[in-house]
Protein backbone atom coordinates (compact mmCIF):
# COMPACT_ATOMS: atom_id res chain seq x y z
CA MET A 1 0.00 0.00 0.00
CA ASP A 2 1.25 3.50 -0.83
CA ARG A 3 2.93 5.24 2.12
CA ARG A 4 0.96 8.46 1.62
CA LEU A 5 -2.29 6.52 1.63
CA ILE A 6 -1.33 4.82 4.90
CA GLU A 7 -0.47 8.20 6.46
CA LYS A 8 -3.78 9.60 5.23
CA ILE A 9 -5.72 6.70 6.79
CA ILE A 10 -3.88 7.10 10.11
CA MET A 11 -4.50 10.87 10.13
CA ALA A 12 -8.19 10.31 9.35
CA GLN A 13 -8.49 7.82 12.21
CA ASP A 14 -6.72 10.17 14.64
CA LEU A 15 -8.95 13.05 13.58
CA LYS A 16 -12.05 10.88 14.01
CA LYS A 17 -10.98 9.98 17.57
CA GLN A 18 -10.35 13.66 18.35
CA MET A 19 -13.75 14.59 16.92
CA ILE A 20 -15.56 11.92 18.95
CA THR A 21 -13.85 13.05 22.18
CA ALA A 22 -14.53 16.69 21.35
CA VAL A 23 -18.20 16.01 20.61
CA LYS A 24 -18.53 14.13 23.92
CA TRP A 25 -17.18 16.98 26.04
CA SER A 26 -18.88 19.67 24.00
CA THR A 27 -22.21 17.85 24.30
CA ILE A 28 -21.79 17.41 28.06
CA ALA A 29 -21.06 21.14 28.33
CA GLU A 30 -24.20 22.00 26.39
CA ILE A 31 -26.37 19.59 28.39
CA VAL A 32 -25.15 21.08 31.67
CA SER A 33 -25.61 24.57 30.30
CA LYS A 34 -29.09 23.87 28.99
CA LEU A 35 -30.12 22.36 32.33
CA VAL A 36 -29.01 25.46 34.22
CA VAL A 37 -29.71 28.29 31.76
CA PRO A 38 -33.47 27.61 31.43
CA ILE A 39 -33.75 27.62 35.23
CA SER A 40 -32.00 30.99 35.32
CA THR A 41 -34.18 32.31 32.49
CA VAL A 42 -37.39 31.12 34.17
CA VAL A 43 -36.47 32.87 37.43
CA LEU A 44 -35.10 36.08 35.86
CA ALA A 45 -38.06 36.41 33.48
CA ARG A 46 -40.31 36.50 36.53
CA LEU A 47 -38.14 38.83 38.61
CA LEU A 48 -37.40 41.36 35.86
CA THR A 49 -39.53 43.04 33.21
CA PRO A 50 -39.14 42.79 29.42
CA GLU A 51 -37.78 46.37 29.57
CA ALA A 52 -34.82 45.18 31.68
CA PHE A 53 -34.02 42.53 29.09
CA GLY A 54 -34.33 45.20 26.39
CA ILE A 55 -31.56 47.20 28.09
CA LEU A 56 -29.39 44.07 28.26
CA VAL A 57 -30.00 43.51 24.54
CA THR A 58 -28.78 47.03 23.81
CA ALA A 59 -25.61 46.54 25.88
CA THR A 60 -24.95 43.16 24.24
CA MET A 61 -25.43 44.69 20.80
CA ILE A 62 -22.77 47.34 21.46
CA ILE A 63 -20.32 44.85 22.99
CA SER A 64 -20.65 42.26 20.23
CA PHE A 65 -20.08 44.92 17.56
CA ALA A 66 -17.00 46.32 19.32
CA GLU A 67 -15.55 42.82 19.85
CA ILE A 68 -15.58 42.21 16.09
CA PHE A 69 -12.90 44.89 15.69
CA SER A 70 -10.98 44.09 18.88
CA ASP A 71 -10.70 40.44 17.78
CA ALA A 72 -9.97 41.44 14.15
CA GLY A 73 -10.74 37.90 12.98
CA PHE A 74 -7.59 36.43 14.57
CA HIS A 75 -9.59 33.84 16.52
CA LYS A 76 -10.73 32.09 13.33
CA TYR A 77 -7.30 32.41 11.71
CA LEU A 78 -5.60 30.62 14.60
CA ILE A 79 -8.03 27.69 14.24
CA GLN A 80 -7.95 27.47 10.44
CA HIS A 81 -4.29 28.12 9.56
CA GLU A 82 -1.72 25.34 9.16
CA PHE A 83 1.52 26.38 10.96
CA PRO A 84 4.92 24.83 10.08
CA SER A 85 5.84 24.46 13.78
CA ASP A 86 4.58 25.08 17.30
CA GLU A 87 7.04 27.96 17.61
CA GLU A 88 5.47 29.77 14.64
CA LYS A 89 2.01 29.01 15.97
CA TYR A 90 2.66 30.54 19.39
CA LYS A 91 4.34 33.57 17.83
CA ALA A 92 1.14 34.17 15.88
CA VAL A 93 -0.88 33.65 19.07
CA SER A 94 1.20 36.27 20.92
CA VAL A 95 0.88 38.81 18.08
CA ALA A 96 -2.89 38.23 17.96
CA PHE A 97 -3.15 38.70 21.73
CA VAL A 98 -1.20 42.00 21.74
CA CYS A 99 -3.29 43.38 18.87
CA ASN A 100 -6.55 42.27 20.49
CA LEU A 101 -5.64 43.80 23.86
CA LEU A 102 -4.56 47.16 22.41
CA LEU A 103 -7.57 47.40 20.10
CA SER A 104 -10.01 46.46 22.86
CA LEU A 105 -8.62 49.12 25.24
CA VAL A 106 -8.79 51.80 22.52
CA ILE A 107 -12.35 50.81 21.61
CA TRP A 108 -13.49 50.81 25.25
CA GLY A 109 -11.93 54.25 25.69
CA LEU A 110 -13.81 55.58 22.66
CA ILE A 111 -17.07 54.07 23.94
CA CYS A 112 -16.55 55.78 27.31
CA LEU A 113 -15.81 59.09 25.56
CA PHE A 114 -18.89 58.97 23.34
CA SER A 115 -21.19 57.03 25.68
CA LYS A 116 -23.92 59.68 25.67
CA LYS A 117 -24.16 59.75 21.87
CA ILE A 118 -24.02 55.96 21.67
CA SER A 119 -26.85 55.54 24.21
CA LEU A 120 -28.99 57.95 22.18
CA LEU A 121 -28.13 56.16 18.94
CA VAL A 122 -29.21 52.73 20.21
CA GLY A 123 -32.45 54.03 21.75
CA CYS A 124 -31.42 54.08 25.44
CA PRO A 125 -31.11 57.76 26.36
CA GLY A 126 -29.82 58.36 29.88
CA LYS A 127 -28.15 54.93 30.08
CA GLU A 128 -24.57 56.13 29.49
CA LEU A 129 -23.30 54.45 32.68
CA VAL A 130 -24.78 51.12 31.52
CA VAL A 131 -22.88 51.44 28.24
CA ILE A 132 -19.57 52.29 29.96
CA VAL A 133 -19.76 49.59 32.65
CA SER A 134 -21.03 46.77 30.43
CA CYS A 135 -18.34 47.40 27.80
CA ILE A 136 -15.59 46.49 30.24
CA CYS A 137 -16.31 43.00 28.84
CA ILE A 138 -14.50 44.06 25.64
CA PRO A 139 -10.92 44.16 27.07
CA ILE A 140 -11.69 41.12 29.23
CA SER A 141 -12.69 39.14 26.14
CA SER A 142 -9.27 39.84 24.55
CA PHE A 143 -7.85 37.37 27.07
CA PHE A 144 -10.24 34.46 26.59
CA SER A 145 -10.85 34.87 22.83
CA ILE A 146 -7.29 33.89 21.89
CA GLN A 147 -7.09 31.19 24.56
CA SER A 148 -10.36 29.69 23.35
CA ALA A 149 -9.02 29.48 19.78
CA ILE A 150 -6.03 27.41 20.98
CA PHE A 151 -8.22 24.89 22.78
CA LYS A 152 -10.60 24.56 19.81
CA ARG A 153 -7.69 24.06 17.41
CA HIS A 154 -6.38 21.21 19.57
CA PHE A 155 -9.89 19.73 20.06
CA ASP A 156 -9.48 20.27 23.82
CA PHE A 157 -13.19 20.67 24.54
CA LYS A 158 -12.75 19.14 27.98
CA THR A 159 -11.17 22.39 29.20
CA LEU A 160 -13.83 24.41 27.40
CA PHE A 161 -16.41 22.29 29.23
CA ILE A 162 -14.97 23.43 32.57
CA VAL A 163 -15.16 27.05 31.43
CA ARG A 164 -18.72 26.63 30.21
CA PHE A 165 -19.76 24.84 33.40
CA VAL A 166 -18.45 27.61 35.65
CA GLY A 167 -20.03 30.22 33.38
CA THR A 168 -23.44 28.59 33.68
CA LEU A 169 -23.26 28.88 37.47
CA ILE A 170 -22.77 32.66 37.36
CA PRO A 171 -26.49 33.45 36.88
CA LEU A 172 -27.38 31.17 39.81
CA VAL A 173 -24.87 32.60 42.29
CA ILE A 174 -24.68 36.23 41.13
CA THR A 175 -27.38 37.35 38.66
CA ILE A 176 -30.46 35.83 40.31
CA PRO A 177 -29.61 36.99 43.89
CA LEU A 178 -28.92 40.51 42.57
CA ALA A 179 -32.16 40.48 40.57
CA PHE A 180 -34.10 39.34 43.64
CA PHE A 181 -32.81 42.18 45.81
CA THR A 182 -32.53 44.99 43.25
CA ARG A 183 -35.21 44.11 40.66
CA SER A 184 -32.96 46.06 38.28
CA TYR A 185 -31.28 45.51 34.93
CA TRP A 186 -27.97 45.98 36.76
CA ALA A 187 -28.23 42.37 37.90
CA LEU A 188 -28.04 41.25 34.24
CA ILE A 189 -25.14 43.60 33.46
CA ILE A 190 -23.06 42.55 36.50
CA GLY A 191 -23.76 38.87 35.78
CA MET A 192 -22.54 39.31 32.20
CA ILE A 193 -19.29 40.93 33.38
CA ALA A 194 -18.70 38.21 35.98
CA GLN A 195 -19.18 35.54 33.33
CA SER A 196 -16.62 37.17 31.02
CA PHE A 197 -14.13 37.48 33.88
CA SER A 198 -14.50 33.81 34.87
CA ASN A 199 -13.95 32.74 31.24
CA ALA A 200 -10.76 34.79 30.97
CA LEU A 201 -9.39 33.62 34.33
CA ILE A 202 -9.94 29.88 33.82
CA LEU A 203 -8.69 29.79 30.23
CA THR A 204 -5.57 31.76 31.11
CA ILE A 205 -4.77 29.40 34.00
CA LYS A 206 -5.39 26.22 31.96
CA SER A 207 -3.75 27.30 28.70
CA PRO A 208 -0.26 25.99 27.76
CA TRP A 209 0.38 29.44 26.25
CA LYS A 210 0.54 32.42 28.60
CA PRO A 211 -0.08 36.04 27.55
CA LYS A 212 3.14 37.78 26.56
CA LEU A 213 3.98 41.09 24.89
CA TYR A 214 5.46 40.01 21.56
CA PHE A 215 4.91 41.71 18.21
CA ASN A 216 6.00 40.93 14.66
CA MET A 217 4.80 43.02 11.72
CA THR A 218 5.41 40.28 9.13
CA CYS A 219 3.30 37.86 11.14
CA LEU A 220 0.57 40.48 11.54
CA LYS A 221 0.42 41.11 7.79
CA GLU A 222 0.08 37.39 7.08
CA MET A 223 -2.68 36.99 9.63
CA PHE A 224 -4.55 40.06 8.51
CA SER A 225 -4.70 38.89 4.88
CA PHE A 226 -7.09 36.15 6.11
CA SER A 227 -8.49 37.93 9.15
CA MET A 228 -9.56 40.99 7.18
CA TRP A 229 -12.20 39.01 5.35
CA SER A 230 -13.05 37.10 8.49
CA MET A 231 -13.60 40.44 10.26
CA PHE A 232 -15.78 41.68 7.40
CA GLU A 233 -17.73 38.44 7.69
CA SER A 234 -18.21 39.03 11.43
CA VAL A 235 -19.43 42.57 10.75
CA SER A 236 -21.91 41.30 8.17
CA ILE A 237 -23.13 38.56 10.52
CA TRP A 238 -23.48 41.13 13.30
CA LEU A 239 -25.52 43.35 11.00
CA THR A 240 -27.86 40.51 10.04
CA GLY A 241 -28.24 39.65 13.72
CA TYR A 242 -28.62 43.16 15.12
CA ILE A 243 -29.71 45.60 12.43
CA ASP A 244 -33.32 44.61 13.05
CA ILE A 245 -32.74 44.96 16.82
CA PHE A 246 -31.52 48.51 16.24
CA ILE A 247 -34.59 49.37 14.14
CA VAL A 248 -37.06 47.76 16.55
CA GLY A 249 -35.42 49.54 19.50
CA SER A 250 -35.60 52.88 17.68
CA VAL A 251 -39.21 52.60 16.47
CA LEU A 252 -40.86 50.50 19.18
CA ASN A 253 -40.46 50.71 22.97
CA GLN A 254 -38.14 48.74 25.29
CA HIS A 255 -40.96 46.30 26.08
CA PHE A 256 -41.27 45.08 22.50
CA LEU A 257 -37.50 45.18 22.04
CA GLY A 258 -37.17 42.88 25.07
CA VAL A 259 -39.88 40.55 23.73
CA TYR A 260 -38.36 40.57 20.23
CA ARG A 261 -34.80 39.76 21.26
CA THR A 262 -35.66 37.42 24.14
CA SER A 263 -37.77 35.34 21.74
CA MET A 264 -34.68 34.88 19.57
CA THR A 265 -32.35 34.12 22.47
CA THR A 266 -34.82 31.66 24.01
CA VAL A 267 -34.94 29.67 20.78
CA GLY A 268 -31.16 30.02 20.49
CA GLN A 269 -30.70 28.50 23.94
CA ILE A 270 -32.85 25.51 23.01
CA MET A 271 -31.17 24.98 19.63
CA GLY A 272 -27.77 25.60 21.19
CA LEU A 273 -28.00 22.32 23.08
CA ILE A 274 -27.16 20.71 19.74
CA THR A 275 -25.56 23.41 17.58
CA SER A 276 -23.18 24.85 20.17
CA ALA A 277 -21.87 21.35 20.84
CA THR A 278 -21.18 20.60 17.17
CA THR A 279 -20.47 23.80 15.20
CA PRO A 280 -17.02 24.59 16.71
CA ILE A 281 -16.00 20.95 16.20
CA LEU A 282 -17.22 21.01 12.60
CA TYR A 283 -15.11 24.10 11.85
CA SER A 284 -12.01 22.68 13.56
CA SER A 285 -12.44 19.34 11.75
CA LEU A 286 -13.03 20.85 8.31
CA SER A 287 -10.05 23.18 8.80
CA ARG A 288 -7.78 20.17 9.29
CA LEU A 289 -9.24 18.56 6.12
CA GLN A 290 -9.24 21.66 3.91
CA ASN A 291 -6.81 20.06 1.43
CA ASP A 292 -8.65 16.72 1.18
CA ASP A 293 -11.90 17.35 -0.72
CA GLU A 294 -13.21 13.81 -0.39
CA GLU A 295 -12.87 13.61 3.41
CA PHE A 296 -13.94 17.25 3.71
CA LYS A 297 -17.30 16.60 2.04
CA LYS A 298 -17.76 13.32 3.88
CA VAL A 299 -17.37 15.02 7.28
CA PHE A 300 -19.66 17.90 6.24
CA PHE A 301 -22.49 15.60 5.12
CA SER A 302 -22.10 13.42 8.22
CA PHE A 303 -22.45 16.44 10.52
CA GLN A 304 -25.37 17.80 8.50
CA LYS A 305 -27.27 14.51 8.63
CA ILE A 306 -26.69 13.78 12.32
CA VAL A 307 -27.43 17.33 13.47
CA GLY A 308 -30.44 17.48 11.13
CA LEU A 309 -31.95 14.38 12.75
CA LEU A 310 -32.02 16.30 16.04
CA VAL A 311 -32.46 19.96 15.09
CA ILE A 312 -35.22 19.66 12.48
CA PRO A 313 -37.79 17.87 14.70
CA LEU A 314 -36.80 20.22 17.52
CA GLY A 315 -37.71 23.25 15.37
CA PHE A 316 -41.04 21.74 14.37
CA GLY A 317 -41.68 20.89 18.04
CA ILE A 318 -41.03 24.46 19.18
CA PHE A 319 -43.57 25.68 16.64
CA LEU A 320 -46.17 23.10 17.68
CA PHE A 321 -45.74 23.77 21.42
CA LYS A 322 -44.87 27.48 21.31
CA ASP A 323 -47.42 28.36 24.00
CA LEU A 324 -45.92 25.79 26.36
CA VAL A 325 -42.34 26.94 25.64
CA VAL A 326 -43.16 30.57 26.46
CA LYS A 327 -45.24 29.79 29.56
CA VAL A 328 -42.64 27.43 31.03
CA LEU A 329 -39.47 29.33 30.15
CA LEU A 330 -40.63 32.96 30.32
CA GLY A 331 -43.98 33.23 32.12
CA ASN A 332 -47.37 34.79 31.51
CA GLN A 333 -46.09 38.37 31.07
CA TRP A 334 -44.36 37.26 27.84
CA HIS A 335 -47.55 36.43 25.93
CA ASP A 336 -46.48 38.73 23.06
CA ALA A 337 -43.53 36.39 22.39
CA ILE A 338 -45.56 33.23 21.60
CA LEU A 339 -45.90 33.56 17.81
CA PHE A 340 -42.32 34.75 17.30
CA VAL A 341 -40.86 31.94 19.43
CA GLY A 342 -42.73 29.39 17.31
CA LEU A 343 -41.82 30.88 13.94
CA TRP A 344 -38.21 31.56 14.90
CA GLY A 345 -37.80 28.01 16.18
CA LEU A 346 -39.15 26.49 12.97
CA MET A 347 -37.06 28.71 10.69
CA SER A 348 -33.95 28.28 12.82
CA SER A 349 -34.01 24.51 12.35
CA ILE A 350 -34.12 24.93 8.57
CA THR A 351 -31.55 27.74 8.46
CA ILE A 352 -29.02 25.93 10.66
CA ILE A 353 -28.96 22.84 8.44
CA LEU A 354 -29.13 24.47 5.01
CA SER A 355 -27.34 27.79 5.59
CA HIS A 356 -25.37 28.29 8.82
CA TYR A 357 -23.05 25.34 8.25
CA SER A 358 -22.11 26.85 4.88
CA SER A 359 -20.26 29.63 6.70
CA GLU A 360 -18.15 27.04 8.52
CA VAL A 361 -17.31 25.48 5.14
CA TYR A 362 -16.24 28.82 3.62
CA ARG A 363 -13.96 29.69 6.54
CA ALA A 364 -12.46 26.20 6.71
CA LYS A 365 -11.60 26.46 3.00
CA GLY A 366 -10.01 29.87 3.60
CA LYS A 367 -12.81 31.65 1.68
CA PRO A 368 -14.58 33.84 4.26
CA LYS A 369 -15.36 36.40 1.53
CA LEU A 370 -18.10 34.02 0.31
CA SER A 371 -19.82 34.35 3.67
CA VAL A 372 -19.40 38.15 3.50
CA PHE A 373 -21.09 38.15 0.11
CA ALA A 374 -23.98 35.99 1.37
CA GLN A 375 -24.50 38.15 4.46
CA CYS A 376 -24.40 41.40 2.45
CA LEU A 377 -27.07 40.09 0.08
CA HIS A 378 -29.15 39.09 3.08
CA ILE A 379 -28.80 42.54 4.65
CA ALA A 380 -29.92 44.09 1.35
CA VAL A 381 -33.16 42.10 1.64
CA LEU A 382 -33.55 42.15 5.44
CA LEU A 383 -33.19 45.91 5.90
CA PRO A 384 -36.13 47.03 3.72
CA VAL A 385 -38.31 44.19 5.04
CA VAL A 386 -37.79 45.25 8.67
CA LEU A 387 -38.10 48.98 7.87
CA VAL A 388 -41.48 48.35 6.21
CA PHE A 389 -42.99 45.85 8.64
CA VAL A 390 -41.80 47.47 11.90
CA HIS A 391 -44.63 49.98 11.37
CA HIS A 392 -47.21 47.17 11.15
CA ASP A 393 -48.59 44.93 13.87
CA PHE A 394 -45.86 43.29 16.01
CA ASP A 395 -46.92 39.77 14.97
CA VAL A 396 -46.73 40.75 11.29
CA LEU A 397 -43.20 42.05 11.87
CA CYS A 398 -42.25 38.74 13.49
CA MET A 399 -43.62 36.72 10.57
CA ALA A 400 -41.77 38.85 8.01
CA ARG A 401 -38.50 38.65 9.99
CA SER A 402 -38.74 34.86 10.20
CA LEU A 403 -39.64 34.19 6.57
CA VAL A 404 -36.93 36.47 5.13
CA ARG A 405 -34.36 33.86 6.23
CA PHE A 406 -35.34 31.76 3.18
CA GLU A 407 -33.34 34.23 1.06
CA LEU A 408 -30.15 33.48 3.02
CA ILE A 409 -30.71 29.74 2.60
CA LEU A 410 -31.10 30.10 -1.18
CA VAL A 411 -27.98 32.24 -1.56
CA ASN A 412 -25.79 29.92 0.52
CA MET A 413 -26.95 26.84 -1.36
CA LEU A 414 -26.00 28.49 -4.67
CA LEU A 415 -22.58 29.54 -3.31
CA MET A 416 -21.97 26.00 -2.06
CA LEU A 417 -22.78 24.69 -5.56
CA PHE A 418 -20.62 27.07 -7.60
CA PHE A 419 -17.62 27.57 -5.30
CA ILE A 420 -17.39 24.47 -3.06
CA LYS A 421 -18.92 22.00 -5.53
CA ILE A 422 -21.44 20.72 -3.00
CA SER A 423 -24.82 20.14 -4.62
CA PRO A 424 -27.94 21.70 -3.04
CA GLN A 425 -29.84 18.63 -4.23
CA LYS A 426 -27.51 16.38 -2.25
CA MET A 427 -27.81 18.63 0.82
CA LEU A 428 -31.60 18.46 0.65
CA PHE A 429 -31.64 14.71 -0.02
CA ASN A 430 -29.24 14.24 2.92
CA VAL A 431 -31.76 15.70 5.39
CA PHE A 432 -34.99 14.71 3.61
CA PRO A 433 -35.79 11.85 6.06
CA ALA A 434 -35.64 14.27 9.01
CA PHE A 435 -37.90 16.81 7.26
CA PHE A 436 -40.39 14.17 6.09
CA SER A 437 -40.60 12.55 9.54
CA SER A 438 -41.01 15.95 11.23
CA ILE A 439 -43.87 16.91 8.90
CA VAL A 440 -45.67 13.61 9.53
CA MET A 441 -45.22 14.05 13.28
CA SER A 442 -46.48 17.66 13.13
CA LEU A 443 -49.60 16.79 11.16
CA ILE A 444 -50.58 14.03 13.60
CA ILE A 445 -49.96 16.19 16.70
CA TYR A 446 -51.77 19.17 15.16
CA PHE A 447 -55.03 17.26 14.73
CA LEU A 448 -55.04 15.80 18.24
CA PRO A 449 -57.52 17.41 20.69
CA LYS A 450 -56.03 20.35 22.64
CA ASN A 451 -56.62 21.96 26.04
CA GLU A 452 -54.71 24.07 28.60
CA SER A 453 -53.33 21.06 30.48
CA TYR A 454 -49.55 21.03 30.98
CA PHE A 455 -49.71 17.27 31.53
CA LEU A 456 -51.43 16.65 28.20
CA SER A 457 -48.90 18.86 26.39
CA PHE A 458 -45.99 16.85 27.78
CA VAL A 459 -47.79 13.62 26.84
CA TYR A 460 -48.14 14.92 23.27
CA ILE A 461 -44.43 15.80 23.21
CA PHE A 462 -43.60 12.23 24.19
CA VAL A 463 -46.02 10.90 21.55
CA GLY A 464 -44.40 13.20 18.99
CA VAL A 465 -40.94 11.84 19.80
CA LEU A 466 -42.20 8.28 19.31
CA ILE A 467 -43.92 9.13 16.03
CA TYR A 468 -40.84 10.92 14.68
CA THR A 469 -38.50 8.11 15.70
CA GLY A 470 -40.77 5.50 14.18
CA VAL A 471 -41.09 7.30 10.85
CA VAL A 472 -37.41 8.22 10.55
CA CYS A 473 -36.41 4.60 11.19
CA VAL A 474 -38.18 3.63 7.98
CA PHE A 475 -35.08 5.02 6.23
CA LYS A 476 -32.19 2.56 6.32
CA GLU A 477 -29.28 4.94 7.01
CA GLU A 478 -31.21 6.91 9.62
CA ARG A 479 -32.32 3.68 11.31
CA ALA A 480 -28.66 2.68 11.69
CA LEU A 481 -27.79 6.10 13.16
CA VAL A 482 -30.68 5.96 15.64
CA LYS A 483 -29.77 2.42 16.66
CA ASN A 484 -26.11 3.38 17.09
CA GLY A 485 -27.05 6.46 19.11
CA LEU A 486 -29.35 4.52 21.42
CA SER A 487 -26.66 1.88 21.88
CA LYS A 488 -24.11 4.52 22.94
CA ILE A 489 -26.58 6.15 25.34
CA ARG A 490 -27.35 2.76 26.88
CA SER A 491 -23.64 1.96 27.32
CA ILE A 492 -23.01 5.35 28.95
CA ILE A 493 -25.90 4.84 31.38
CA THR A 494 -24.79 1.27 32.13
CA SER A 495 -21.19 2.29 32.84
CA PHE A 496 -22.42 5.15 35.03
CA LEU A 497 -24.66 2.83 37.07
CA HIS A 498 -21.88 0.27 37.47
CA SER A 499 -19.54 2.98 38.73
CA ARG A 500 -22.10 3.89 41.40
CA LEU A 501 -22.74 0.34 42.60
């Protein structure tokens, strides 16, 4: 057998082992997070008003935009780039850290200087102190952003699990007690800062690389040639995620802004149980396979199929049980969020599988400009849609905002066809069993008799899971995946019970 072929097989096997371990720890982190975060959300949604969450949304919007420039796209470069040696890699890490730190301090200083104008611009007049204090997260993030990239590159998601676990405890030990005593948005702001600080502290302690003041202009130029487009991509993604928030906050009041954004984040928390555990691993894996088209596509389709089997029925389920989701997770004062939560959940499941993963493919191939192009086209459609419908009924606005995501799906599928040579037809066929089974499940559940009973709703959810599983197992490949997944779950439970006996 050819030596190169043997080396390729060994590398593929090693990568597969790293991916499996990474998925395990990343999934554990998401399960722990999703057990704790909903509890925090349930409590905070009852202690604080939608207006308080609207102020947090505004602060988060400013911070996330500023962090795009303070990070300058170096995080993604450090994961994607192939370095000739560890020495060169850590030199690049040090240069990225110095640039991030300096940029973040300058940006925070400018925000402090123009805080009054910024608070007026984002629709929060008189909240200058909130802007100044919350944006301290920007220089803090310069520490953990670079460290996080190193761990993701090395598939060390066990350490990232520790960071995520500690971060999920912050709302329980800091945010909720502060909210109980103050009933103020300051509880959310302080909790956010504490979470950023804990991330930076743990990652710095655990990292094999320690922050050092080293700078090399040649290294910076090489990094920036990739990171420039990555930064533009981040700006475009930020705009698609926040430009509607800015418009809603400017035209409507803080109540509807809180309802609008919290609906999105609530769905994001539910979907994140699956996507947050897999997306970073997909990007790291594809980056290592960027020069092997066959393995690259094989890994992409495997991730798409497996994640689709979980995410697609989840999105349909959120739409079917949107009333239950809002009542359980947010409470009765969030009635205005019901329709948007349902629509956003349904569209998110479709968008994640047929669009979001395309961005990971572009970056892994060193072509982030494709994602920039897709996002810019989406903004060109999204902006007029939101500007028109924000003056209509709130529910109409929510429907328009959800459905406009079909444009982004179409554009990304065409880009994948022409530039990555991945057929949209194959992508759709790959996840067809999940869509078909979800539709069958939804139709059966929809025509069952309904009432206000929580118990009956949970019974229907269980029935829906059984129906979906039964239908999806009609397909041979999906049946094997379900059987394999159940076998692994059973072995994990068995080993856990044996360790306790």
